Amino acid sequence: MNSNISKEERQWAMFCHLAALAGFVIPFGNIIGPLVLWVLKKDESAYIDYHGKEALNFQISFSIYLLVSIILIILIIGILLTVVVATLGVVFLVVAALKANDGVYYTYPVTIRFIK
């Protein structure tokens, strides 16, 4: 845990990750939620900026992986792949949110870096 990061910064960084849960309610909410928070808060803290970019990159990557999995349902393998990708997406999101709240610079696995 980095003690130089305020509680408020850690909470906003966590919210950047949790905002992706909006995808369960709104189409593309998993990308829109983190994008909105990141744009609003990125200039206030390097820590929030880092986590906002990380959340956004993961959600864009996750959307691509999920789309490919859904397309592969035609070949039957996509059914299992879709379940695995969706489950891992939620697990990684929760881990990232908890790490952000603990003051850790968490990096999602298997993420394409669209925003640097």
PDB file of N, CA and C in Angstrom:
ATOM      1  N   MET A   1       0.846  -1.194   0.000  1.00  0.00           N
ATOM      2  CA  MET A   1       0.000   0.000   0.000  1.00  0.00           C
ATOM      3  C   MET A   1       0.880   1.243   0.000  1.00  0.00           C
ATOM      4  N   ASN A   2       0.535   2.173  -0.838  1.00  0.00           N
ATOM      5  CA  ASN A   2       1.268   3.423  -0.932  1.00  0.00           C
ATOM      6  C   ASN A   2       0.589   4.452  -0.037  1.00  0.00           C
ATOM      7  N   SER A   3       1.300   4.897   1.001  1.00  0.00           N
ATOM      8  CA  SER A   3       0.698   5.813   1.973  1.00  0.00           C
ATOM      9  C   SER A   3       0.593   7.248   1.458  1.00  0.00           C
ATOM     10  N   ASN A   4       1.214   7.541   0.312  1.00  0.00           N
ATOM     11  CA  ASN A   4       1.142   8.889  -0.256  1.00  0.00           C
ATOM     12  C   ASN A   4      -0.171   9.137  -0.995  1.00  0.00           C
ATOM     13  N   ILE A   5      -0.964   8.100  -1.160  1.00  0.00           N
ATOM     14  CA  ILE A   5      -2.216   8.211  -1.912  1.00  0.00           C
ATOM     15  C   ILE A   5      -3.357   8.399  -0.922  1.00  0.00           C
ATOM     16  N   SER A   6      -4.105   9.475  -1.111  1.00  0.00           N
ATOM     17  CA  SER A   6      -5.184   9.776  -0.171  1.00  0.00           C
ATOM     18  C   SER A   6      -6.336   8.775  -0.288  1.00  0.00           C
ATOM     19  N   LYS A   7      -7.146   8.743   0.755  1.00  0.00           N
ATOM     20  CA  LYS A   7      -8.308   7.852   0.763  1.00  0.00           C
ATOM     21  C   LYS A   7      -9.247   8.203  -0.386  1.00  0.00           C
ATOM     22  N   GLU A   8      -9.417   9.496  -0.635  1.00  0.00           N
ATOM     23  CA  GLU A   8     -10.302   9.941  -1.719  1.00  0.00           C
ATOM     24  C   GLU A   8      -9.781   9.480  -3.085  1.00  0.00           C
ATOM     25  N   GLU A   9      -8.473   9.597  -3.296  1.00  0.00           N
ATOM     26  CA  GLU A   9      -7.887   9.133  -4.566  1.00  0.00           C
ATOM     27  C   GLU A   9      -8.098   7.632  -4.742  1.00  0.00           C
ATOM     28  N   ARG A  10      -7.880   6.879  -3.671  1.00  0.00           N
ATOM     29  CA  ARG A  10      -8.060   5.431  -3.736  1.00  0.00           C
ATOM     30  C   ARG A  10      -9.512   5.075  -4.047  1.00  0.00           C
ATOM     31  N   GLN A  11     -10.446   5.817  -3.451  1.00  0.00           N
ATOM     32  CA  GLN A  11     -11.863   5.543  -3.717  1.00  0.00           C
ATOM     33  C   GLN A  11     -12.232   5.852  -5.158  1.00  0.00           C
ATOM     34  N   TRP A  12     -11.773   6.977  -5.688  1.00  0.00           N
ATOM     35  CA  TRP A  12     -12.090   7.317  -7.081  1.00  0.00           C
ATOM     36  C   TRP A  12     -11.461   6.325  -8.042  1.00  0.00           C
ATOM     37  N   ALA A  13     -10.247   5.858  -7.717  1.00  0.00           N
ATOM     38  CA  ALA A  13      -9.598   4.841  -8.560  1.00  0.00           C
ATOM     39  C   ALA A  13     -10.430   3.557  -8.550  1.00  0.00           C
ATOM     40  N   MET A  14     -10.929   3.193  -7.375  1.00  0.00           N
ATOM     41  CA  MET A  14     -11.785   2.003  -7.265  1.00  0.00           C
ATOM     42  C   MET A  14     -13.064   2.198  -8.076  1.00  0.00           C
ATOM     43  N   PHE A  15     -13.646   3.383  -7.993  1.00  0.00           N
ATOM     44  CA  PHE A  15     -14.879   3.663  -8.747  1.00  0.00           C
ATOM     45  C   PHE A  15     -14.645   3.571 -10.255  1.00  0.00           C
ATOM     46  N   CYS A  16     -13.443   3.929 -10.716  1.00  0.00           N
ATOM     47  CA  CYS A  16     -13.129   3.803 -12.144  1.00  0.00           C
ATOM     48  C   CYS A  16     -13.302   2.359 -12.599  1.00  0.00           C
ATOM     49  N   HIS A  17     -12.895   1.426 -11.764  1.00  0.00           N
ATOM     50  CA  HIS A  17     -13.041   0.010 -12.109  1.00  0.00           C
ATOM     51  C   HIS A  17     -14.500  -0.439 -11.959  1.00  0.00           C
ATOM     52  N   LEU A  18     -15.117  -0.071 -10.852  1.00  0.00           N
ATOM     53  CA  LEU A  18     -16.493  -0.510 -10.581  1.00  0.00           C
ATOM     54  C   LEU A  18     -17.511   0.096 -11.543  1.00  0.00           C
ATOM     55  N   ALA A  19     -17.177   1.224 -12.152  1.00  0.00           N
ATOM     56  CA  ALA A  19     -18.090   1.867 -13.106  1.00  0.00           C
ATOM     57  C   ALA A  19     -18.394   0.954 -14.289  1.00  0.00           C
ATOM     58  N   ALA A  20     -17.520  -0.005 -14.533  1.00  0.00           N
ATOM     59  CA  ALA A  20     -17.745  -0.955 -15.630  1.00  0.00           C
ATOM     60  C   ALA A  20     -18.976  -1.818 -15.385  1.00  0.00           C
ATOM     61  N   LEU A  21     -19.409  -1.926 -14.159  1.00  0.00           N
ATOM     62  CA  LEU A  21     -20.613  -2.701 -13.846  1.00  0.00           C
ATOM     63  C   LEU A  21     -21.859  -2.071 -14.473  1.00  0.00           C
ATOM     64  N   ALA A  22     -21.750  -0.841 -14.922  1.00  0.00           N
ATOM     65  CA  ALA A  22     -22.862  -0.195 -15.629  1.00  0.00           C
ATOM     66  C   ALA A  22     -23.203  -0.971 -16.902  1.00  0.00           C
ATOM     67  N   GLY A  23     -22.273  -1.771 -17.379  1.00  0.00           N
ATOM     68  CA  GLY A  23     -22.506  -2.590 -18.568  1.00  0.00           C
ATOM     69  C   GLY A  23     -23.617  -3.611 -18.369  1.00  0.00           C
ATOM     70  N   PHE A  24     -23.940  -3.921 -17.119  1.00  0.00           N
ATOM     71  CA  PHE A  24     -25.048  -4.838 -16.850  1.00  0.00           C
ATOM     72  C   PHE A  24     -26.395  -4.157 -17.031  1.00  0.00           C
ATOM     73  N   VAL A  25     -26.381  -2.815 -17.070  1.00  0.00           N
ATOM     74  CA  VAL A  25     -27.617  -2.035 -17.168  1.00  0.00           C
ATOM     75  C   VAL A  25     -27.750  -1.315 -18.506  1.00  0.00           C
ATOM     76  N   ILE A  26     -26.655  -0.764 -19.007  1.00  0.00           N
ATOM     77  CA  ILE A  26     -26.680   0.020 -20.241  1.00  0.00           C
ATOM     78  C   ILE A  26     -25.740  -0.622 -21.267  1.00  0.00           C
ATOM     79  N   PRO A  27     -26.159  -0.678 -22.513  1.00  0.00           N
ATOM     80  CA  PRO A  27     -25.241  -1.183 -23.550  1.00  0.00           C
ATOM     81  C   PRO A  27     -23.965  -0.333 -23.589  1.00  0.00           C
ATOM     82  N   PHE A  28     -22.837  -0.978 -23.628  1.00  0.00           N
ATOM     83  CA  PHE A  28     -21.513  -0.349 -23.629  1.00  0.00           C
ATOM     84  C   PHE A  28     -21.230   0.445 -22.355  1.00  0.00           C
ATOM     85  N   GLY A  29     -22.036   0.238 -21.334  1.00  0.00           N
ATOM     86  CA  GLY A  29     -21.815   0.896 -20.044  1.00  0.00           C
ATOM     87  C   GLY A  29     -20.498   0.497 -19.419  1.00  0.00           C
ATOM     88  N   ASN A  30     -20.021  -0.706 -19.757  1.00  0.00           N
ATOM     89  CA  ASN A  30     -18.732  -1.146 -19.215  1.00  0.00           C
ATOM     90  C   ASN A  30     -17.574  -0.286 -19.724  1.00  0.00           C
ATOM     91  N   ILE A  31     -17.767   0.364 -20.856  1.00  0.00           N
ATOM     92  CA  ILE A  31     -16.748   1.276 -21.391  1.00  0.00           C
ATOM     93  C   ILE A  31     -17.097   2.725 -21.037  1.00  0.00           C
ATOM     94  N   ILE A  32     -18.351   3.074 -21.153  1.00  0.00           N
ATOM     95  CA  ILE A  32     -18.787   4.450 -20.892  1.00  0.00           C
ATOM     96  C   ILE A  32     -18.554   4.852 -19.435  1.00  0.00           C
ATOM     97  N   GLY A  33     -18.874   3.947 -18.495  1.00  0.00           N
ATOM     98  CA  GLY A  33     -18.710   4.258 -17.068  1.00  0.00           C
ATOM     99  C   GLY A  33     -17.283   4.645 -16.712  1.00  0.00           C
ATOM    100  N   PRO A  34     -16.295   3.761 -16.970  1.00  0.00           N
ATOM    101  CA  PRO A  34     -14.909   4.120 -16.664  1.00  0.00           C
ATOM    102  C   PRO A  34     -14.415   5.331 -17.455  1.00  0.00           C
ATOM    103  N   LEU A  35     -14.873   5.458 -18.706  1.00  0.00           N
ATOM    104  CA  LEU A  35     -14.453   6.595 -19.535  1.00  0.00           C
ATOM    105  C   LEU A  35     -14.894   7.915 -18.917  1.00  0.00           C
ATOM    106  N   VAL A  36     -16.135   7.986 -18.497  1.00  0.00           N
ATOM    107  CA  VAL A  36     -16.663   9.230 -17.909  1.00  0.00           C
ATOM    108  C   VAL A  36     -15.891   9.583 -16.636  1.00  0.00           C
ATOM    109  N   LEU A  37     -15.714   8.613 -15.739  1.00  0.00           N
ATOM    110  CA  LEU A  37     -14.987   8.898 -14.492  1.00  0.00           C
ATOM    111  C   LEU A  37     -13.542   9.285 -14.765  1.00  0.00           C
ATOM    112  N   TRP A  38     -12.900   8.587 -15.680  1.00  0.00           N
ATOM    113  CA  TRP A  38     -11.514   8.898 -16.002  1.00  0.00           C
ATOM    114  C   TRP A  38     -11.381  10.321 -16.563  1.00  0.00           C
ATOM    115  N   VAL A  39     -12.244  10.682 -17.497  1.00  0.00           N
ATOM    116  CA  VAL A  39     -12.185  12.023 -18.095  1.00  0.00           C
ATOM    117  C   VAL A  39     -12.426  13.105 -17.037  1.00  0.00           C
ATOM    118  N   LEU A  40     -13.352  12.848 -16.120  1.00  0.00           N
ATOM    119  CA  LEU A  40     -13.665  13.835 -15.080  1.00  0.00           C
ATOM    120  C   LEU A  40     -12.561  13.971 -14.032  1.00  0.00           C
ATOM    121  N   LYS A  41     -11.852  12.887 -13.737  1.00  0.00           N
ATOM    122  CA  LYS A  41     -10.935  12.886 -12.593  1.00  0.00           C
ATOM    123  C   LYS A  41      -9.452  12.751 -12.929  1.00  0.00           C
ATOM    124  N   LYS A  42      -9.107  12.511 -14.181  1.00  0.00           N
ATOM    125  CA  LYS A  42      -7.714  12.207 -14.538  1.00  0.00           C
ATOM    126  C   LYS A  42      -6.730  13.320 -14.205  1.00  0.00           C
ATOM    127  N   ASP A  43      -7.170  14.565 -14.244  1.00  0.00           N
ATOM    128  CA  ASP A  43      -6.262  15.676 -13.984  1.00  0.00           C
ATOM    129  C   ASP A  43      -6.072  15.947 -12.497  1.00  0.00           C
ATOM    130  N   GLU A  44      -6.873  15.307 -11.655  1.00  0.00           N
ATOM    131  CA  GLU A  44      -6.781  15.538 -10.209  1.00  0.00           C
ATOM    132  C   GLU A  44      -5.692  14.704  -9.547  1.00  0.00           C
ATOM    133  N   SER A  45      -5.341  13.571 -10.166  1.00  0.00           N
ATOM    134  CA  SER A  45      -4.393  12.668  -9.517  1.00  0.00           C
ATOM    135  C   SER A  45      -3.792  11.716 -10.541  1.00  0.00           C
ATOM    136  N   ALA A  46      -2.488  11.518 -10.443  1.00  0.00           N
ATOM    137  CA  ALA A  46      -1.818  10.554 -11.320  1.00  0.00           C
ATOM    138  C   ALA A  46      -2.305   9.138 -11.021  1.00  0.00           C
ATOM    139  N   TYR A  47      -2.664   8.886  -9.756  1.00  0.00           N
ATOM    140  CA  TYR A  47      -3.157   7.562  -9.356  1.00  0.00           C
ATOM    141  C   TYR A  47      -4.512   7.269  -9.997  1.00  0.00           C
ATOM    142  N   ILE A  48      -5.408   8.243  -9.962  1.00  0.00           N
ATOM    143  CA  ILE A  48      -6.718   8.078 -10.597  1.00  0.00           C
ATOM    144  C   ILE A  48      -6.545   7.961 -12.107  1.00  0.00           C
ATOM    145  N   ASP A  49      -5.655   8.753 -12.675  1.00  0.00           N
ATOM    146  CA  ASP A  49      -5.382   8.692 -14.115  1.00  0.00           C
ATOM    147  C   ASP A  49      -4.911   7.288 -14.503  1.00  0.00           C
ATOM    148  N   TYR A  50      -3.987   6.719 -13.732  1.00  0.00           N
ATOM    149  CA  TYR A  50      -3.479   5.381 -14.011  1.00  0.00           C
ATOM    150  C   TYR A  50      -4.613   4.352 -13.992  1.00  0.00           C
ATOM    151  N   HIS A  51      -5.404   4.356 -12.936  1.00  0.00           N
ATOM    152  CA  HIS A  51      -6.464   3.358 -12.803  1.00  0.00           C
ATOM    153  C   HIS A  51      -7.596   3.571 -13.809  1.00  0.00           C
ATOM    154  N   GLY A  52      -7.869   4.818 -14.150  1.00  0.00           N
ATOM    155  CA  GLY A  52      -8.880   5.086 -15.169  1.00  0.00           C
ATOM    156  C   GLY A  52      -8.472   4.513 -16.514  1.00  0.00           C
ATOM    157  N   LYS A  53      -7.204   4.724 -16.887  1.00  0.00           N
ATOM    158  CA  LYS A  53      -6.695   4.171 -18.146  1.00  0.00           C
ATOM    159  C   LYS A  53      -6.684   2.651 -18.106  1.00  0.00           C
ATOM    160  N   GLU A  54      -6.272   2.105 -16.967  1.00  0.00           N
ATOM    161  CA  GLU A  54      -6.195   0.655 -16.818  1.00  0.00           C
ATOM    162  C   GLU A  54      -7.588   0.038 -16.956  1.00  0.00           C
ATOM    163  N   ALA A  55      -8.575   0.634 -16.291  1.00  0.00           N
ATOM    164  CA  ALA A  55      -9.953   0.126 -16.355  1.00  0.00           C
ATOM    165  C   ALA A  55     -10.493   0.231 -17.781  1.00  0.00           C
ATOM    166  N   LEU A  56     -10.244   1.342 -18.413  1.00  0.00           N
ATOM    167  CA  LEU A  56     -10.736   1.559 -19.774  1.00  0.00           C
ATOM    168  C   LEU A  56     -10.082   0.588 -20.760  1.00  0.00           C
ATOM    169  N   ASN A  57      -8.771   0.426 -20.680  1.00  0.00           N
ATOM    170  CA  ASN A  57      -8.080  -0.520 -21.558  1.00  0.00           C
ATOM    171  C   ASN A  57      -8.604  -1.938 -21.361  1.00  0.00           C
ATOM    172  N   PHE A  58      -8.816  -2.325 -20.103  1.00  0.00           N
ATOM    173  CA  PHE A  58      -9.307  -3.674 -19.864  1.00  0.00           C
ATOM    174  C   PHE A  58     -10.720  -3.850 -20.407  1.00  0.00           C
ATOM    175  N   GLN A  59     -11.585  -2.882 -20.210  1.00  0.00           N
ATOM    176  CA  GLN A  59     -12.965  -3.020 -20.666  1.00  0.00           C
ATOM    177  C   GLN A  59     -13.063  -3.057 -22.188  1.00  0.00           C
ATOM    178  N   ILE A  60     -12.221  -2.303 -22.866  1.00  0.00           N
ATOM    179  CA  ILE A  60     -12.205  -2.361 -24.333  1.00  0.00           C
ATOM    180  C   ILE A  60     -11.702  -3.742 -24.771  1.00  0.00           C
ATOM    181  N   SER A  61     -10.608  -4.206 -24.161  1.00  0.00           N
ATOM    182  CA  SER A  61     -10.067  -5.538 -24.479  1.00  0.00           C
ATOM    183  C   SER A  61     -11.097  -6.615 -24.180  1.00  0.00           C
ATOM    184  N   PHE A  62     -11.712  -6.529 -23.006  1.00  0.00           N
ATOM    185  CA  PHE A  62     -12.724  -7.498 -22.579  1.00  0.00           C
ATOM    186  C   PHE A  62     -13.883  -7.548 -23.579  1.00  0.00           C
ATOM    187  N   SER A  63     -14.317  -6.399 -24.063  1.00  0.00           N
ATOM    188  CA  SER A  63     -15.413  -6.346 -25.034  1.00  0.00           C
ATOM    189  C   SER A  63     -15.032  -7.065 -26.329  1.00  0.00           C
ATOM    190  N   ILE A  64     -13.798  -6.877 -26.749  1.00  0.00           N
ATOM    191  CA  ILE A  64     -13.313  -7.558 -27.955  1.00  0.00           C
ATOM    192  C   ILE A  64     -13.282  -9.069 -27.725  1.00  0.00           C
ATOM    193  N   TYR A  65     -12.743  -9.497 -26.588  1.00  0.00           N
ATOM    194  CA  TYR A  65     -12.678 -10.933 -26.284  1.00  0.00           C
ATOM    195  C   TYR A  65     -14.074 -11.541 -26.210  1.00  0.00           C
ATOM    196  N   LEU A  66     -14.995 -10.815 -25.609  1.00  0.00           N
ATOM    197  CA  LEU A  66     -16.363 -11.318 -25.480  1.00  0.00           C
ATOM    198  C   LEU A  66     -17.035 -11.416 -26.852  1.00  0.00           C
ATOM    199  N   LEU A  67     -16.818 -10.426 -27.705  1.00  0.00           N
ATOM    200  CA  LEU A  67     -17.389 -10.446 -29.048  1.00  0.00           C
ATOM    201  C   LEU A  67     -16.859 -11.640 -29.845  1.00  0.00           C
ATOM    202  N   VAL A  68     -15.561 -11.883 -29.781  1.00  0.00           N
ATOM    203  CA  VAL A  68     -14.973 -13.029 -30.475  1.00  0.00           C
ATOM    204  C   VAL A  68     -15.550 -14.336 -29.927  1.00  0.00           C
ATOM    205  N   SER A  69     -15.705 -14.419 -28.603  1.00  0.00           N
ATOM    206  CA  SER A  69     -16.277 -15.617 -27.981  1.00  0.00           C
ATOM    207  C   SER A  69     -17.696 -15.865 -28.462  1.00  0.00           C
ATOM    208  N   ILE A  70     -18.466 -14.798 -28.550  1.00  0.00           N
ATOM    209  CA  ILE A  70     -19.861 -14.924 -29.001  1.00  0.00           C
ATOM    210  C   ILE A  70     -19.908 -15.383 -30.460  1.00  0.00           C
ATOM    211  N   ILE A  71     -19.030 -14.836 -31.277  1.00  0.00           N
ATOM    212  CA  ILE A  71     -18.965 -15.254 -32.678  1.00  0.00           C
ATOM    213  C   ILE A  71     -18.597 -16.736 -32.774  1.00  0.00           C
ATOM    214  N   LEU A  72     -17.711 -17.189 -31.884  1.00  0.00           N
ATOM    215  CA  LEU A  72     -17.261 -18.586 -31.908  1.00  0.00           C
ATOM    216  C   LEU A  72     -18.321 -19.568 -31.403  1.00  0.00           C
ATOM    217  N   ILE A  73     -19.449 -19.055 -30.941  1.00  0.00           N
ATOM    218  CA  ILE A  73     -20.542 -19.949 -30.542  1.00  0.00           C
ATOM    219  C   ILE A  73     -20.978 -20.793 -31.739  1.00  0.00           C
ATOM    220  N   ILE A  74     -20.811 -20.258 -32.930  1.00  0.00           N
ATOM    221  CA  ILE A  74     -21.118 -21.007 -34.154  1.00  0.00           C
ATOM    222  C   ILE A  74     -20.336 -22.320 -34.183  1.00  0.00           C
ATOM    223  N   LEU A  75     -19.122 -22.299 -33.655  1.00  0.00           N
ATOM    224  CA  LEU A  75     -18.269 -23.487 -33.645  1.00  0.00           C
ATOM    225  C   LEU A  75     -18.361 -24.257 -32.326  1.00  0.00           C
ATOM    226  N   ILE A  76     -19.377 -24.003 -31.551  1.00  0.00           N
ATOM    227  CA  ILE A  76     -19.651 -24.654 -30.266  1.00  0.00           C
ATOM    228  C   ILE A  76     -18.663 -24.254 -29.165  1.00  0.00           C
ATOM    229  N   ILE A  77     -17.369 -24.126 -29.477  1.00  0.00           N
ATOM    230  CA  ILE A  77     -16.378 -23.781 -28.459  1.00  0.00           C
ATOM    231  C   ILE A  77     -16.677 -22.427 -27.817  1.00  0.00           C
ATOM    232  N   GLY A  78     -17.380 -21.586 -28.537  1.00  0.00           N
ATOM    233  CA  GLY A  78     -17.685 -20.250 -28.040  1.00  0.00           C
ATOM    234  C   GLY A  78     -18.570 -20.239 -26.813  1.00  0.00           C
ATOM    235  N   ILE A  79     -19.377 -21.269 -26.619  1.00  0.00           N
ATOM    236  CA  ILE A  79     -20.257 -21.315 -25.449  1.00  0.00           C
ATOM    237  C   ILE A  79     -19.416 -21.323 -24.171  1.00  0.00           C
ATOM    238  N   LEU A  80     -18.485 -22.258 -24.083  1.00  0.00           N
ATOM    239  CA  LEU A  80     -17.609 -22.339 -22.916  1.00  0.00           C
ATOM    240  C   LEU A  80     -16.716 -21.107 -22.826  1.00  0.00           C
ATOM    241  N   LEU A  81     -16.186 -20.675 -23.950  1.00  0.00           N
ATOM    242  CA  LEU A  81     -15.301 -19.518 -23.983  1.00  0.00           C
ATOM    243  C   LEU A  81     -16.015 -18.257 -23.499  1.00  0.00           C
ATOM    244  N   THR A  82     -17.268 -18.076 -23.893  1.00  0.00           N
ATOM    245  CA  THR A  82     -18.036 -16.915 -23.456  1.00  0.00           C
ATOM    246  C   THR A  82     -18.226 -16.923 -21.939  1.00  0.00           C
ATOM    247  N   VAL A  83     -18.529 -18.078 -21.396  1.00  0.00           N
ATOM    248  CA  VAL A  83     -18.703 -18.196 -19.938  1.00  0.00           C
ATOM    249  C   VAL A  83     -17.389 -17.884 -19.219  1.00  0.00           C
ATOM    250  N   VAL A  84     -16.297 -18.431 -19.718  1.00  0.00           N
ATOM    251  CA  VAL A  84     -14.985 -18.203 -19.097  1.00  0.00           C
ATOM    252  C   VAL A  84     -14.596 -16.731 -19.177  1.00  0.00           C
ATOM    253  N   VAL A  85     -14.743 -16.132 -20.348  1.00  0.00           N
ATOM    254  CA  VAL A  85     -14.373 -14.723 -20.532  1.00  0.00           C
ATOM    255  C   VAL A  85     -15.227 -13.827 -19.632  1.00  0.00           C
ATOM    256  N   ALA A  86     -16.527 -14.058 -19.589  1.00  0.00           N
ATOM    257  CA  ALA A  86     -17.412 -13.232 -18.757  1.00  0.00           C
ATOM    258  C   ALA A  86     -17.071 -13.386 -17.278  1.00  0.00           C
ATOM    259  N   THR A  87     -16.821 -14.606 -16.838  1.00  0.00           N
ATOM    260  CA  THR A  87     -16.472 -14.841 -15.427  1.00  0.00           C
ATOM    261  C   THR A  87     -15.153 -14.172 -15.063  1.00  0.00           C
ATOM    262  N   LEU A  88     -14.140 -14.366 -15.885  1.00  0.00           N
ATOM    263  CA  LEU A  88     -12.844 -13.744 -15.620  1.00  0.00           C
ATOM    264  C   LEU A  88     -12.932 -12.219 -15.654  1.00  0.00           C
ATOM    265  N   GLY A  89     -13.767 -11.699 -16.539  1.00  0.00           N
ATOM    266  CA  GLY A  89     -13.946 -10.250 -16.614  1.00  0.00           C
ATOM    267  C   GLY A  89     -14.439  -9.676 -15.302  1.00  0.00           C
ATOM    268  N   VAL A  90     -15.402 -10.328 -14.693  1.00  0.00           N
ATOM    269  CA  VAL A  90     -15.945  -9.859 -13.407  1.00  0.00           C
ATOM    270  C   VAL A  90     -14.927 -10.061 -12.287  1.00  0.00           C
ATOM    271  N   VAL A  91     -14.257 -11.205 -12.284  1.00  0.00           N
ATOM    272  CA  VAL A  91     -13.256 -11.481 -11.249  1.00  0.00           C
ATOM    273  C   VAL A  91     -12.123 -10.458 -11.316  1.00  0.00           C
ATOM    274  N   PHE A  92     -11.585 -10.222 -12.503  1.00  0.00           N
ATOM    275  CA  PHE A  92     -10.499  -9.250 -12.652  1.00  0.00           C
ATOM    276  C   PHE A  92     -10.948  -7.850 -12.251  1.00  0.00           C
ATOM    277  N   LEU A  93     -12.178  -7.492 -12.579  1.00  0.00           N
ATOM    278  CA  LEU A  93     -12.713  -6.184 -12.221  1.00  0.00           C
ATOM    279  C   LEU A  93     -12.757  -6.012 -10.706  1.00  0.00           C
ATOM    280  N   VAL A  94     -13.256  -7.012 -10.005  1.00  0.00           N
ATOM    281  CA  VAL A  94     -13.347  -6.937  -8.542  1.00  0.00           C
ATOM    282  C   VAL A  94     -11.954  -6.871  -7.906  1.00  0.00           C
ATOM    283  N   VAL A  95     -11.037  -7.690  -8.401  1.00  0.00           N
ATOM    284  CA  VAL A  95      -9.663  -7.667  -7.886  1.00  0.00           C
ATOM    285  C   VAL A  95      -9.039  -6.287  -8.101  1.00  0.00           C
ATOM    286  N   ALA A  96      -9.201  -5.732  -9.291  1.00  0.00           N
ATOM    287  CA  ALA A  96      -8.635  -4.417  -9.607  1.00  0.00           C
ATOM    288  C   ALA A  96      -9.233  -3.336  -8.702  1.00  0.00           C
ATOM    289  N   ALA A  97     -10.531  -3.382  -8.473  1.00  0.00           N
ATOM    290  CA  ALA A  97     -11.183  -2.391  -7.613  1.00  0.00           C
ATOM    291  C   ALA A  97     -10.646  -2.486  -6.183  1.00  0.00           C
ATOM    292  N   LEU A  98     -10.497  -3.684  -5.677  1.00  0.00           N
ATOM    293  CA  LEU A  98      -9.972  -3.869  -4.313  1.00  0.00           C
ATOM    294  C   LEU A  98      -8.519  -3.402  -4.218  1.00  0.00           C
ATOM    295  N   LYS A  99      -7.718  -3.745  -5.218  1.00  0.00           N
ATOM    296  CA  LYS A  99      -6.316  -3.320  -5.223  1.00  0.00           C
ATOM    297  C   LYS A  99      -6.210  -1.798  -5.303  1.00  0.00           C
ATOM    298  N   ALA A 100      -7.036  -1.183  -6.136  1.00  0.00           N
ATOM    299  CA  ALA A 100      -7.020   0.284  -6.254  1.00  0.00           C
ATOM    300  C   ALA A 100      -7.360   0.923  -4.921  1.00  0.00           C
ATOM    301  N   ASN A 101      -8.317   0.368  -4.220  1.00  0.00           N
ATOM    302  CA  ASN A 101      -8.710   0.908  -2.919  1.00  0.00           C
ATOM    303  C   ASN A 101      -7.625   0.671  -1.856  1.00  0.00           C
ATOM    304  N   ASP A 102      -6.756  -0.306  -2.100  1.00  0.00           N
ATOM    305  CA  ASP A 102      -5.648  -0.574  -1.178  1.00  0.00           C
ATOM    306  C   ASP A 102      -4.410   0.263  -1.498  1.00  0.00           C
ATOM    307  N   GLY A 103      -4.464   1.048  -2.578  1.00  0.00           N
ATOM    308  CA  GLY A 103      -3.329   1.888  -2.948  1.00  0.00           C
ATOM    309  C   GLY A 103      -2.311   1.197  -3.837  1.00  0.00           C
ATOM    310  N   VAL A 104      -2.714   0.118  -4.484  1.00  0.00           N
ATOM    311  CA  VAL A 104      -1.813  -0.660  -5.340  1.00  0.00           C
ATOM    312  C   VAL A 104      -2.025  -0.259  -6.806  1.00  0.00           C
ATOM    313  N   TYR A 105      -0.936  -0.115  -7.535  1.00  0.00           N
ATOM    314  CA  TYR A 105      -1.012   0.141  -8.973  1.00  0.00           C
ATOM    315  C   TYR A 105      -1.212  -1.205  -9.671  1.00  0.00           C
ATOM    316  N   TYR A 106      -2.446  -1.635  -9.777  1.00  0.00           N
ATOM    317  CA  TYR A 106      -2.785  -2.944 -10.328  1.00  0.00           C
ATOM    318  C   TYR A 106      -2.790  -2.889 -11.855  1.00  0.00           C
ATOM    319  N   THR A 107      -2.284  -3.961 -12.473  1.00  0.00           N
ATOM    320  CA  THR A 107      -2.310  -4.099 -13.925  1.00  0.00           C
ATOM    321  C   THR A 107      -3.126  -5.339 -14.269  1.00  0.00           C
ATOM    322  N   TYR A 108      -4.169  -5.150 -15.074  1.00  0.00           N
ATOM    323  CA  TYR A 108      -4.984  -6.285 -15.517  1.00  0.00           C
ATOM    324  C   TYR A 108      -4.161  -7.206 -16.406  1.00  0.00           C
ATOM    325  N   PRO A 109      -4.356  -8.521 -16.269  1.00  0.00           N
ATOM    326  CA  PRO A 109      -3.705  -9.424 -17.226  1.00  0.00           C
ATOM    327  C   PRO A 109      -4.436  -9.382 -18.574  1.00  0.00           C
ATOM    328  N   VAL A 110      -3.800  -9.856 -19.604  1.00  0.00           N
ATOM    329  CA  VAL A 110      -4.335  -9.977 -20.967  1.00  0.00           C
ATOM    330  C   VAL A 110      -5.061  -8.731 -21.469  1.00  0.00           C
ATOM    331  N   THR A 111      -4.464  -7.582 -21.238  1.00  0.00           N
ATOM    332  CA  THR A 111      -5.084  -6.329 -21.650  1.00  0.00           C
ATOM    333  C   THR A 111      -4.285  -5.695 -22.783  1.00  0.00           C
ATOM    334  N   ILE A 112      -4.994  -5.248 -23.792  1.00  0.00           N
ATOM    335  CA  ILE A 112      -4.371  -4.508 -24.897  1.00  0.00           C
ATOM    336  C   ILE A 112      -4.310  -3.044 -24.472  1.00  0.00           C
ATOM    337  N   ARG A 113      -3.169  -2.433 -24.608  1.00  0.00           N
ATOM    338  CA  ARG A 113      -2.976  -1.025 -24.180  1.00  0.00           C
ATOM    339  C   ARG A 113      -3.387  -0.071 -25.308  1.00  0.00           C
ATOM    340  N   PHE A 114      -4.659   0.288 -25.342  1.00  0.00           N
ATOM    341  CA  PHE A 114      -5.158   1.228 -26.343  1.00  0.00           C
ATOM    342  C   PHE A 114      -4.819   2.670 -25.928  1.00  0.00           C
ATOM    343  N   ILE A 115      -4.932   2.945 -24.644  1.00  0.00           N
ATOM    344  CA  ILE A 115      -4.676   4.270 -24.096  1.00  0.00           C
ATOM    345  C   ILE A 115      -3.434   4.163 -23.217  1.00  0.00           C
ATOM    346  N   LYS A 116      -2.442   4.966 -23.514  1.00  0.00           N
ATOM    347  CA  LYS A 116      -1.185   4.888 -22.745  1.00  0.00           C
ATOM    348  C   LYS A 116      -1.000   6.060 -21.839  1.00  0.00           C
TER     349      LYS A 116
END
